[in-house]
All heavy atoms as atom14 arrays in JSON, in Angstrom:
{
  "sequence": "FTLPRTYPDANKLLKKLQEIGNTETEKV",
  "atom14_mask": [
    [1, 1, 1, 1, 1, 1, 1, 1, 1, 1, 1, 0, 0, 0],
    [1, 1, 1, 1, 1, 1, 1, 0, 0, 0, 0, 0, 0, 0],
    [1, 1, 1, 1, 1, 1, 1, 1, 0, 0, 0, 0, 0, 0],
    [1, 1, 1, 1, 1, 1, 1, 0, 0, 0, 0, 0, 0, 0],
    [1, 1, 1, 1, 1, 1, 1, 1, 1, 1, 1, 0, 0, 0],
    [1, 1, 1, 1, 1, 1, 1, 0, 0, 0, 0, 0, 0, 0],
    [1, 1, 1, 1, 1, 1, 1, 1, 1, 1, 1, 1, 0, 0],
    [1, 1, 1, 1, 1, 1, 1, 0, 0, 0, 0, 0, 0, 0],
    [1, 1, 1, 1, 1, 1, 1, 1, 0, 0, 0, 0, 0, 0],
    [1, 1, 1, 1, 1, 0, 0, 0, 0, 0, 0, 0, 0, 0],
    [1, 1, 1, 1, 1, 1, 1, 1, 0, 0, 0, 0, 0, 0],
    [1, 1, 1, 1, 1, 1, 1, 1, 1, 0, 0, 0, 0, 0],
    [1, 1, 1, 1, 1, 1, 1, 1, 0, 0, 0, 0, 0, 0],
    [1, 1, 1, 1, 1, 1, 1, 1, 0, 0, 0, 0, 0, 0],
    [1, 1, 1, 1, 1, 1, 1, 1, 1, 0, 0, 0, 0, 0],
    [1, 1, 1, 1, 1, 1, 1, 1, 1, 0, 0, 0, 0, 0],
    [1, 1, 1, 1, 1, 1, 1, 1, 0, 0, 0, 0, 0, 0],
    [1, 1, 1, 1, 1, 1, 1, 1, 1, 0, 0, 0, 0, 0],
    [1, 1, 1, 1, 1, 1, 1, 1, 1, 0, 0, 0, 0, 0],
    [1, 1, 1, 1, 1, 1, 1, 1, 0, 0, 0, 0, 0, 0],
    [1, 1, 1, 1, 0, 0, 0, 0, 0, 0, 0, 0, 0, 0],
    [1, 1, 1, 1, 1, 1, 1, 1, 0, 0, 0, 0, 0, 0],
    [1, 1, 1, 1, 1, 1, 1, 0, 0, 0, 0, 0, 0, 0],
    [1, 1, 1, 1, 1, 1, 1, 1, 1, 0, 0, 0, 0, 0],
    [1, 1, 1, 1, 1, 1, 1, 0, 0, 0, 0, 0, 0, 0],
    [1, 1, 1, 1, 1, 1, 1, 1, 1, 0, 0, 0, 0, 0],
    [1, 1, 1, 1, 1, 1, 1, 1, 1, 0, 0, 0, 0, 0],
    [1, 1, 1, 1, 1, 1, 1, 0, 0, 0, 0, 0, 0, 0]
  ],
  "atom14_positions": [
    [[86.92, -165.92, -33.42], [86.66, -167.32, -33.14], [85.36, -167.71, -33.83], [84.42, -166.9, -33.9], [86.49, -167.56, -31.64], [87.72, -167.37, -30.83], [88.02, -166.16, -30.26], [88.59, -168.44, -30.62], [89.16, -165.97, -29.5], [89.73, -168.27, -29.86], [90.02, -167.05, -29.3], [0.0, 0.0, 0.0], [0.0, 0.0, 0.0], [0.0, 0.0, 0.0]],
    [[85.27, -168.95, -34.3], [84.02, -169.5, -34.83], [83.68, -170.73, -34.01], [84.44, -171.68, -33.92], [84.18, -169.88, -36.32], [84.56, -168.7, -37.05], [82.89, -170.43, -36.88], [0.0, 0.0, 0.0], [0.0, 0.0, 0.0], [0.0, 0.0, 0.0], [0.0, 0.0, 0.0], [0.0, 0.0, 0.0], [0.0, 0.0, 0.0], [0.0, 0.0, 0.0]],
    [[82.5, -170.67, -33.38], [82.04, -171.73, -32.48], [80.79, -172.39, -33.04], [79.92, -171.71, -33.59], [81.71, -171.18, -31.11], [82.81, -170.43, -30.36], [82.24, -169.8, -29.09], [83.91, -171.39, -30.0], [0.0, 0.0, 0.0], [0.0, 0.0, 0.0], [0.0, 0.0, 0.0], [0.0, 0.0, 0.0], [0.0, 0.0, 0.0], [0.0, 0.0, 0.0]],
    [[80.66, -173.7, -32.9], [79.39, -174.33, -33.29], [78.28, -173.86, -32.33], [78.57, -173.49, -31.2], [79.66, -175.8, -33.13], [80.85, -175.93, -32.26], [81.62, -174.64, -32.37], [0.0, 0.0, 0.0], [0.0, 0.0, 0.0], [0.0, 0.0, 0.0], [0.0, 0.0, 0.0], [0.0, 0.0, 0.0], [0.0, 0.0, 0.0], [0.0, 0.0, 0.0]],
    [[77.07, -173.86, -32.82], [75.88, -173.47, -32.03], [75.73, -171.95, -31.93], [76.54, -171.2, -32.42], [75.9, -174.07, -30.64], [75.9, -175.57, -30.63], [75.7, -176.09, -29.22], [75.71, -177.52, -29.21], [76.81, -178.27, -29.17], [77.98, -177.71, -29.19], [76.71, -179.56, -29.15], [0.0, 0.0, 0.0], [0.0, 0.0, 0.0], [0.0, 0.0, 0.0]],
    [[74.67, -171.56, -31.26], [74.43, -170.15, -31.01], [74.48, -169.9, -29.5], [74.27, -170.81, -28.71], [73.05, -169.69, -31.53], [72.04, -170.47, -30.88], [72.96, -169.9, -33.04], [0.0, 0.0, 0.0], [0.0, 0.0, 0.0], [0.0, 0.0, 0.0], [0.0, 0.0, 0.0], [0.0, 0.0, 0.0], [0.0, 0.0, 0.0], [0.0, 0.0, 0.0]],
    [[74.77, -168.68, -29.13], [74.9, -168.3, -27.73], [74.1, -167.02, -27.5], [74.64, -165.91, -27.6], [76.37, -168.06, -27.36], [77.18, -169.35, -27.4], [77.74, -169.79, -28.62], [77.39, -170.08, -26.27], [78.48, -170.97, -28.65], [78.15, -171.25, -26.31], [78.68, -171.69, -27.5], [79.42, -172.85, -27.51], [0.0, 0.0, 0.0], [0.0, 0.0, 0.0]],
    [[72.83, -167.14, -27.15], [72.0, -165.95, -26.91], [72.43, -165.2, -25.63], [72.2, -164.01, -25.51], [70.58, -166.48, -26.79], [70.7, -167.93, -26.55], [72.02, -168.36, -27.06], [0.0, 0.0, 0.0], [0.0, 0.0, 0.0], [0.0, 0.0, 0.0], [0.0, 0.0, 0.0], [0.0, 0.0, 0.0], [0.0, 0.0, 0.0], [0.0, 0.0, 0.0]],
    [[73.07, -165.92, -24.7], [73.52, -165.31, -23.45], [74.98, -164.92, -23.61], [75.86, -165.78, -23.79], [73.34, -166.3, -22.3], [73.76, -165.74, -20.95], [74.15, -164.54, -20.88], [73.72, -166.49, -19.96], [0.0, 0.0, 0.0], [0.0, 0.0, 0.0], [0.0, 0.0, 0.0], [0.0, 0.0, 0.0], [0.0, 0.0, 0.0], [0.0, 0.0, 0.0]],
    [[75.28, -163.62, -23.54], [76.64, -163.11, -23.75], [77.63, -163.66, -22.74], [78.78, -163.89, -23.06], [76.63, -161.59, -23.71], [0.0, 0.0, 0.0], [0.0, 0.0, 0.0], [0.0, 0.0, 0.0], [0.0, 0.0, 0.0], [0.0, 0.0, 0.0], [0.0, 0.0, 0.0], [0.0, 0.0, 0.0], [0.0, 0.0, 0.0], [0.0, 0.0, 0.0]],
    [[77.19, -163.87, -21.5], [78.08, -164.39, -20.46], [78.52, -165.82, -20.77], [79.66, -166.19, -20.56], [77.42, -164.32, -19.09], [77.26, -162.92, -18.59], [78.06, -162.03, -18.94], [76.23, -162.67, -17.79], [0.0, 0.0, 0.0], [0.0, 0.0, 0.0], [0.0, 0.0, 0.0], [0.0, 0.0, 0.0], [0.0, 0.0, 0.0], [0.0, 0.0, 0.0]],
    [[77.58, -166.66, -21.27], [77.93, -168.04, -21.63], [78.9, -168.05, -22.81], [79.82, -168.87, -22.85], [76.68, -168.83, -21.96], [75.85, -169.15, -20.74], [74.64, -169.98, -21.08], [73.82, -170.25, -19.84], [72.6, -171.05, -20.12], [0.0, 0.0, 0.0], [0.0, 0.0, 0.0], [0.0, 0.0, 0.0], [0.0, 0.0, 0.0], [0.0, 0.0, 0.0]],
    [[78.68, -167.15, -23.76], [79.59, -167.06, -24.91], [80.99, -166.67, -24.43], [81.97, -167.3, -24.83], [79.08, -166.04, -25.92], [80.01, -165.76, -27.1], [80.28, -167.02, -27.92], [79.41, -164.69, -28.0], [0.0, 0.0, 0.0], [0.0, 0.0, 0.0], [0.0, 0.0, 0.0], [0.0, 0.0, 0.0], [0.0, 0.0, 0.0], [0.0, 0.0, 0.0]],
    [[81.08, -165.66, -23.6], [82.39, -165.22, -23.1], [83.09, -166.33, -22.33], [84.29, -166.56, -22.5], [82.25, -163.96, -22.22], [83.56, -163.4, -21.66], [84.53, -163.0, -22.78], [83.27, -162.22, -20.75], [0.0, 0.0, 0.0], [0.0, 0.0, 0.0], [0.0, 0.0, 0.0], [0.0, 0.0, 0.0], [0.0, 0.0, 0.0], [0.0, 0.0, 0.0]],
    [[82.34, -167.05, -21.53], [82.91, -168.15, -20.75], [83.49, -169.23, -21.67], [84.58, -169.74, -21.46], [81.85, -168.76, -19.81], [82.38, -169.82, -18.88], [81.32, -170.28, -17.92], [81.87, -171.36, -17.0], [80.9, -171.81, -16.02], [0.0, 0.0, 0.0], [0.0, 0.0, 0.0], [0.0, 0.0, 0.0], [0.0, 0.0, 0.0], [0.0, 0.0, 0.0]],
    [[82.74, -169.57, -22.72], [83.2, -170.59, -23.69], [84.44, -170.1, -24.44], [85.39, -170.84, -24.64], [82.06, -170.93, -24.67], [82.44, -172.0, -25.65], [82.68, -173.32, -24.97], [82.94, -174.42, -25.99], [83.22, -175.71, -25.37], [0.0, 0.0, 0.0], [0.0, 0.0, 0.0], [0.0, 0.0, 0.0], [0.0, 0.0, 0.0], [0.0, 0.0, 0.0]],
    [[84.42, -168.84, -24.83], [85.57, -168.25, -25.53], [86.81, -168.27, -24.65], [87.94, -168.53, -25.1], [85.26, -166.84, -26.02], [84.26, -166.79, -27.18], [83.73, -165.35, -27.34], [84.87, -167.29, -28.46], [0.0, 0.0, 0.0], [0.0, 0.0, 0.0], [0.0, 0.0, 0.0], [0.0, 0.0, 0.0], [0.0, 0.0, 0.0], [0.0, 0.0, 0.0]],
    [[86.65, -167.95, -23.37], [87.78, -167.96, -22.43], [88.31, -169.38, -22.26], [89.5, -169.61, -22.18], [87.37, -167.37, -21.09], [87.19, -165.87, -21.16], [86.59, -165.28, -19.9], [85.91, -165.95, -19.13], [86.84, -163.99, -19.69], [0.0, 0.0, 0.0], [0.0, 0.0, 0.0], [0.0, 0.0, 0.0], [0.0, 0.0, 0.0], [0.0, 0.0, 0.0]],
    [[87.38, -170.35, -22.26], [87.76, -171.74, -22.11], [88.65, -172.2, -23.25], [89.64, -172.92, -23.04], [86.47, -172.58, -22.08], [86.63, -174.04, -21.79], [85.28, -174.73, -21.78], [84.4, -174.33, -20.98], [85.08, -175.64, -22.59], [0.0, 0.0, 0.0], [0.0, 0.0, 0.0], [0.0, 0.0, 0.0], [0.0, 0.0, 0.0], [0.0, 0.0, 0.0]],
    [[88.32, -171.8, -24.48], [89.11, -172.25, -25.64], [90.21, -171.28, -26.06], [91.17, -171.69, -26.71], [88.2, -172.57, -26.86], [87.49, -171.32, -27.35], [87.24, -173.67, -26.54], [86.81, -171.49, -28.68], [0.0, 0.0, 0.0], [0.0, 0.0, 0.0], [0.0, 0.0, 0.0], [0.0, 0.0, 0.0], [0.0, 0.0, 0.0], [0.0, 0.0, 0.0]],
    [[90.08, -170.01, -25.7], [91.01, -169.02, -26.17], [92.12, -168.59, -25.23], [93.15, -168.07, -25.66], [0.0, 0.0, 0.0], [0.0, 0.0, 0.0], [0.0, 0.0, 0.0], [0.0, 0.0, 0.0], [0.0, 0.0, 0.0], [0.0, 0.0, 0.0], [0.0, 0.0, 0.0], [0.0, 0.0, 0.0], [0.0, 0.0, 0.0], [0.0, 0.0, 0.0]],
    [[91.91, -168.81, -23.93], [92.92, -168.4, -22.97], [94.15, -169.34, -23.02], [93.99, -170.56, -23.06], [92.37, -168.4, -21.55], [91.46, -167.23, -21.27], [91.3, -166.34, -22.1], [90.84, -167.22, -20.11], [0.0, 0.0, 0.0], [0.0, 0.0, 0.0], [0.0, 0.0, 0.0], [0.0, 0.0, 0.0], [0.0, 0.0, 0.0], [0.0, 0.0, 0.0]],
    [[95.32, -168.71, -23.07], [96.57, -169.46, -23.02], [97.42, -168.85, -21.91], [96.97, -167.94, -21.19], [97.33, -169.39, -24.36], [97.72, -168.03, -24.6], [96.46, -169.86, -25.52], [0.0, 0.0, 0.0], [0.0, 0.0, 0.0], [0.0, 0.0, 0.0], [0.0, 0.0, 0.0], [0.0, 0.0, 0.0], [0.0, 0.0, 0.0], [0.0, 0.0, 0.0]],
    [[98.65, -169.31, -21.8], [99.54, -168.75, -20.78], [99.89, -167.28, -21.05], [100.18, -166.52, -20.13], [100.84, -169.57, -20.68], [100.6, -170.95, -20.09], [101.88, -171.73, -19.96], [102.97, -171.14, -19.95], [101.79, -172.97, -19.84], [0.0, 0.0, 0.0], [0.0, 0.0, 0.0], [0.0, 0.0, 0.0], [0.0, 0.0, 0.0], [0.0, 0.0, 0.0]],
    [[99.85, -166.88, -22.33], [100.24, -165.53, -22.67], [99.1, -164.64, -23.18], [99.24, -163.44, -23.25], [101.33, -165.54, -23.77], [100.84, -166.23, -24.91], [102.59, -166.21, -23.25], [0.0, 0.0, 0.0], [0.0, 0.0, 0.0], [0.0, 0.0, 0.0], [0.0, 0.0, 0.0], [0.0, 0.0, 0.0], [0.0, 0.0, 0.0], [0.0, 0.0, 0.0]],
    [[97.94, -165.24, -23.52], [96.82, -164.5, -24.06], [95.55, -164.8, -23.25], [95.29, -165.94, -22.92], [96.57, -164.87, -25.52], [97.69, -164.51, -26.44], [97.43, -164.96, -27.88], [96.36, -165.55, -28.14], [98.29, -164.73, -28.72], [0.0, 0.0, 0.0], [0.0, 0.0, 0.0], [0.0, 0.0, 0.0], [0.0, 0.0, 0.0], [0.0, 0.0, 0.0]],
    [[94.77, -163.74, -22.99], [93.51, -163.89, -22.28], [92.4, -163.19, -23.06], [92.57, -162.07, -23.52], [93.59, -163.25, -20.87], [94.69, -163.84, -19.99], [94.45, -165.28, -19.66], [95.6, -165.8, -18.8], [95.62, -167.25, -18.7], [0.0, 0.0, 0.0], [0.0, 0.0, 0.0], [0.0, 0.0, 0.0], [0.0, 0.0, 0.0], [0.0, 0.0, 0.0]],
    [[91.26, -163.86, -23.19], [90.08, -163.27, -23.8], [89.38, -162.44, -22.72], [89.07, -162.95, -21.65], [89.11, -164.35, -24.33], [87.84, -163.74, -24.88], [89.81, -165.22, -25.39], [0.0, 0.0, 0.0], [0.0, 0.0, 0.0], [0.0, 0.0, 0.0], [0.0, 0.0, 0.0], [0.0, 0.0, 0.0], [0.0, 0.0, 0.0], [0.0, 0.0, 0.0]]
  ]
}
């Protein structure tokens, strides 16, 4: 995934990735 901005906090990055990447069949 390529996201705008930087994410120094790994938990915030994972949360954002799950927000955009999770689907009915795939989970980050």
